[in-house]
């Protein structure tokens, strides 16, 4: 029994001596816990879900962006407030409980390239009778960013 206590005591002494000799390495400048480390890099804003140039966050005030677009004329035709655009496409999915539709559509001149995208529907009753594969013509209210009229086409 004394032998077991001696072994435990010897092990504890060796363990404590080994731990006391251990010294933490200083944090590198790249380590996030280092108070002198540089701030995390600023991530770019996703442009995937932007409808128009005005929807993309900018460091300039929006009035300056609008003036720049009008003055240079290099931007595609922009859609003003209160306006609508019309597109044609095929229904990929309807989500009635969320009042949304996913449409694969062609280019909408001066507004958006061809893509597959989800849109809000206002009013939700417009979804009635629509199903996967239906070809549709739809009207988007640009300020609201939602489809306000949709009809089946042949």
Protein backbone atom coordinates (compact mmCIF):
# COMPACT_ATOMS: atom_id res chain seq x y z
CA UNK A 1 0.00 0.00 0.00
CA UNK A 2 2.86 2.39 0.82
CA UNK A 3 4.31 1.56 -2.58
CA UNK A 4 1.13 2.78 -4.33
CA UNK A 5 1.17 6.10 -2.43
CA UNK A 6 4.83 6.62 -3.29
CA UNK A 7 4.08 6.00 -6.99
CA UNK A 8 1.12 8.38 -6.99
CA UNK A 9 3.15 11.02 -5.14
CA UNK A 10 6.11 10.63 -7.52
CA UNK A 11 3.78 10.85 -10.55
CA UNK A 12 2.10 14.01 -9.16
CA UNK A 13 5.48 15.67 -8.50
CA UNK A 14 6.74 14.83 -11.99
CA UNK A 15 3.50 16.05 -13.59
CA UNK A 16 3.59 19.35 -11.71
CA UNK A 17 7.24 19.88 -12.54
CA UNK A 18 6.57 19.20 -16.18
CA UNK A 19 3.60 21.59 -16.29
CA UNK A 20 5.42 24.37 -14.48
CA UNK A 21 8.17 24.29 -17.08
CA UNK A 22 5.63 24.69 -19.92
CA UNK A 23 5.37 28.21 -21.26
CA UNK A 24 2.67 29.47 -23.65
CA UNK A 25 3.90 30.78 -26.96
CA UNK A 26 3.02 34.41 -27.66
CA UNK A 27 0.09 34.93 -30.00
CA UNK A 28 1.03 35.67 -33.59
CA UNK A 29 -0.15 38.89 -35.22
CA UNK A 30 -2.58 36.85 -37.35
CA UNK A 31 -4.27 35.21 -34.35
CA UNK A 32 -7.76 36.66 -33.76
CA UNK A 33 -7.24 36.81 -29.96
CA UNK A 34 -4.20 39.05 -30.27
CA UNK A 35 -5.30 42.58 -29.29
CA UNK A 36 -2.76 44.11 -31.68
CA UNK A 37 -3.85 41.98 -34.66
CA UNK A 38 -5.29 43.70 -37.69
CA UNK A 39 -9.07 43.84 -37.99
CA UNK A 40 -10.76 41.18 -40.11
CA UNK A 41 -10.88 42.04 -43.81
CA UNK A 42 -14.06 43.68 -45.04
CA UNK A 43 -16.11 41.22 -47.07
CA UNK A 44 -17.63 42.28 -50.35
CA UNK A 45 -21.39 42.63 -50.57
CA UNK A 46 -23.16 39.95 -52.60
CA UNK A 47 -24.66 41.29 -55.80
CA UNK A 48 -26.55 38.09 -56.52
CA UNK A 49 -29.92 39.22 -55.18
CA UNK A 50 -29.73 42.84 -56.30
CA UNK A 51 -32.52 43.93 -58.63
CA UNK A 52 -31.06 47.22 -59.84
CA UNK A 53 -27.96 49.31 -59.25
CA UNK A 54 -29.86 51.28 -56.59
CA UNK A 55 -30.27 48.07 -54.51
CA UNK A 56 -26.52 47.54 -54.21
CA UNK A 57 -25.15 49.17 -51.04
CA UNK A 58 -22.64 51.86 -51.91
CA UNK A 59 -20.21 54.00 -49.96
CA UNK A 60 -21.58 57.03 -51.82
CA UNK A 61 -24.96 58.57 -50.97
CA UNK A 62 -27.71 57.36 -53.29
CA UNK A 63 -28.18 60.84 -54.77
CA UNK A 64 -24.53 60.82 -55.90
CA UNK A 65 -24.97 57.38 -57.50
CA UNK A 66 -28.09 58.52 -59.36
CA UNK A 67 -26.37 61.71 -60.53
CA UNK A 68 -23.38 59.69 -61.69
CA UNK A 69 -25.62 57.34 -63.70
CA UNK A 70 -27.48 60.22 -65.36
CA UNK A 71 -24.39 62.28 -66.06
CA UNK A 72 -22.24 59.58 -67.62
CA UNK A 73 -24.95 57.55 -69.32
CA UNK A 74 -22.82 54.41 -69.05
CA UNK A 75 -25.27 52.48 -66.89
CA UNK A 76 -28.05 50.49 -68.57
CA UNK A 77 -31.46 52.13 -68.72
CA UNK A 78 -32.55 52.37 -65.11
CA UNK A 79 -36.11 52.00 -63.97
CA UNK A 80 -37.51 54.96 -62.05
CA UNK A 81 -39.66 55.01 -58.95
CA UNK A 82 -43.23 53.83 -59.41
CA UNK A 83 -42.44 52.03 -62.64
CA UNK A 84 -42.99 48.45 -63.66
CA UNK A 85 -41.22 46.07 -66.01
CA UNK A 86 -42.61 43.08 -67.89
CA UNK A 87 -40.92 39.71 -68.37
CA UNK A 88 -41.73 36.26 -69.68
CA UNK A 89 -40.61 32.93 -68.35
CA UNK A 90 -41.44 29.50 -67.03
CA UNK A 91 -42.68 28.64 -63.54
CA UNK A 92 -40.12 26.55 -61.65
CA UNK A 93 -41.97 26.46 -58.31
CA UNK A 94 -44.73 28.14 -56.36
CA UNK A 95 -44.61 28.71 -52.60
CA UNK A 96 -48.15 29.79 -51.66
CA UNK A 97 -47.57 29.90 -47.89
CA UNK A 98 -44.76 32.45 -48.45
CA UNK A 99 -46.52 34.27 -51.35
CA UNK A 100 -43.56 33.56 -53.62
CA UNK A 101 -42.88 32.12 -57.06
CA UNK A 102 -39.66 30.94 -58.68
CA UNK A 103 -39.45 31.84 -62.36
CA UNK A 104 -36.87 31.01 -65.01
CA UNK A 105 -37.04 34.05 -67.26
CA UNK A 106 -35.30 35.65 -70.19
CA UNK A 107 -33.63 39.04 -70.19
CA UNK A 108 -35.78 41.94 -69.04
CA UNK A 109 -34.38 44.84 -71.09
CA UNK A 110 -32.80 47.57 -68.99
CA UNK A 111 -33.57 45.74 -65.76
CA UNK A 112 -32.16 42.22 -65.39
CA UNK A 113 -30.33 39.50 -67.30
CA UNK A 114 -31.86 36.09 -67.93
CA UNK A 115 -31.89 33.98 -64.75
CA UNK A 116 -33.90 31.77 -62.42
CA UNK A 117 -35.10 33.78 -59.45
CA UNK A 118 -37.67 33.87 -56.69
CA UNK A 119 -40.13 36.77 -56.46
CA UNK A 120 -42.74 37.87 -53.96
CA UNK A 121 -46.30 37.92 -55.27
CA UNK A 122 -48.72 40.70 -54.29
CA UNK A 123 -51.55 39.77 -53.91
CA UNK A 124 -50.99 36.08 -53.10
CA UNK A 125 -54.16 35.14 -55.01
CA UNK A 126 -52.15 35.55 -58.24
CA UNK A 127 -50.55 32.15 -57.53
CA UNK A 128 -53.86 30.31 -57.92
CA UNK A 129 -53.82 27.97 -60.90
CA UNK A 130 -50.08 28.25 -61.55
CA UNK A 131 -47.94 25.12 -61.56
CA UNK A 132 -44.50 23.91 -62.56
CA UNK A 133 -43.81 24.33 -66.27
CA UNK A 134 -46.45 27.01 -66.98
CA UNK A 135 -45.23 29.73 -69.34
CA UNK A 136 -46.10 33.12 -67.89
CA UNK A 137 -45.90 36.85 -68.57
CA UNK A 138 -45.41 38.85 -65.38
CA UNK A 139 -45.20 42.48 -64.31
CA UNK A 140 -42.73 43.49 -61.59
CA UNK A 141 -43.34 46.56 -59.46
CA UNK A 142 -39.74 47.78 -59.20
CA UNK A 143 -39.95 49.77 -55.93
CA UNK A 144 -41.79 46.92 -54.18
CA UNK A 145 -39.61 44.27 -55.85
CA UNK A 146 -42.60 42.01 -56.30
CA UNK A 147 -44.76 40.61 -59.08
CA UNK A 148 -48.07 42.47 -59.20
CA UNK A 149 -49.55 40.82 -62.31
CA UNK A 150 -49.03 37.39 -63.82
CA UNK A 151 -50.79 35.54 -66.62
CA UNK A 152 -50.35 32.22 -68.39
CA UNK A 153 -49.28 32.32 -72.03
CA UNK A 154 -49.24 29.57 -74.65
